[in-house]
């Protein structure tokens, strides 16, 4: 079931009615539909997945929107919905961190995959590819060449996923329908690069879980260790045969850890 709550101004995907409530936040150029494998492996929860601004069925990023305002709005909505666990992947991990910063005592666990935070380590190849996309959009406009170029390695954002024939068609299909509305004015920077001081992160009381893929890019691995030190009782789990989209690429392995973290029966 999908909807667009008036208080949130973002599309959400909902599954389940009973059990602990979990908020899921996806990464850049994908959407909430790709959590399906994890949800299938985690019955007995109420899953709420948001489409970030400009992604999936959500409206574009508003001119006045920043990571702080987005995180505050999501945090208020999550608390009202009874969310106990917050999960974010890649860019979604940055947003998930901000949700927890805005409500540091509200959640039991905070799970970050391929973690990133504003002011943290940056993978240079990713920035160079994004600049290339902006030039392509300026010169050629919107078209399939944007998604095609985005999915080329390096950087290794999609390399591991391409080796999973049952998963890759779904990921590629979602990326190809991304609208790229944020390219002309670099709007995504208001989310991706908004400063998140470690002092603010240390105030989060949720127990931390950090997933990294075995073939993750160096900057994200470095970030994982920084956040492991900053977050409450945080631990890193390495997912074998996984890259940047680690939790989506290996849902059964990720779900095994999450069941323990959330106190679910096996």
Foldseek 3Di string as FASTA:
>chain_A
DWDQDPLQQWIKDWDDDAAAEEEEEEDPLFADVLCVLLPVLDPGYIYIYTGPALADPGHHDDPPDFLLVNLLSVLVVCLVVRHAEYEAAHLGLQSQLSVCLNVQERHAEYEYELHDYAPAFDDVQLVVLLVVLLVCCVVPNDDQVSLVSNPDDVVVQCVLVVVPVVRVVNRSVSSSPRPCPCRPPVNCCSRRNDHDDLVSSLSRQHEYEYEAEPAEDDRSVVVQVVSQVSHDNYDYDYQYSAYRRRCSSCVNVVSVVVCVSRVHDD
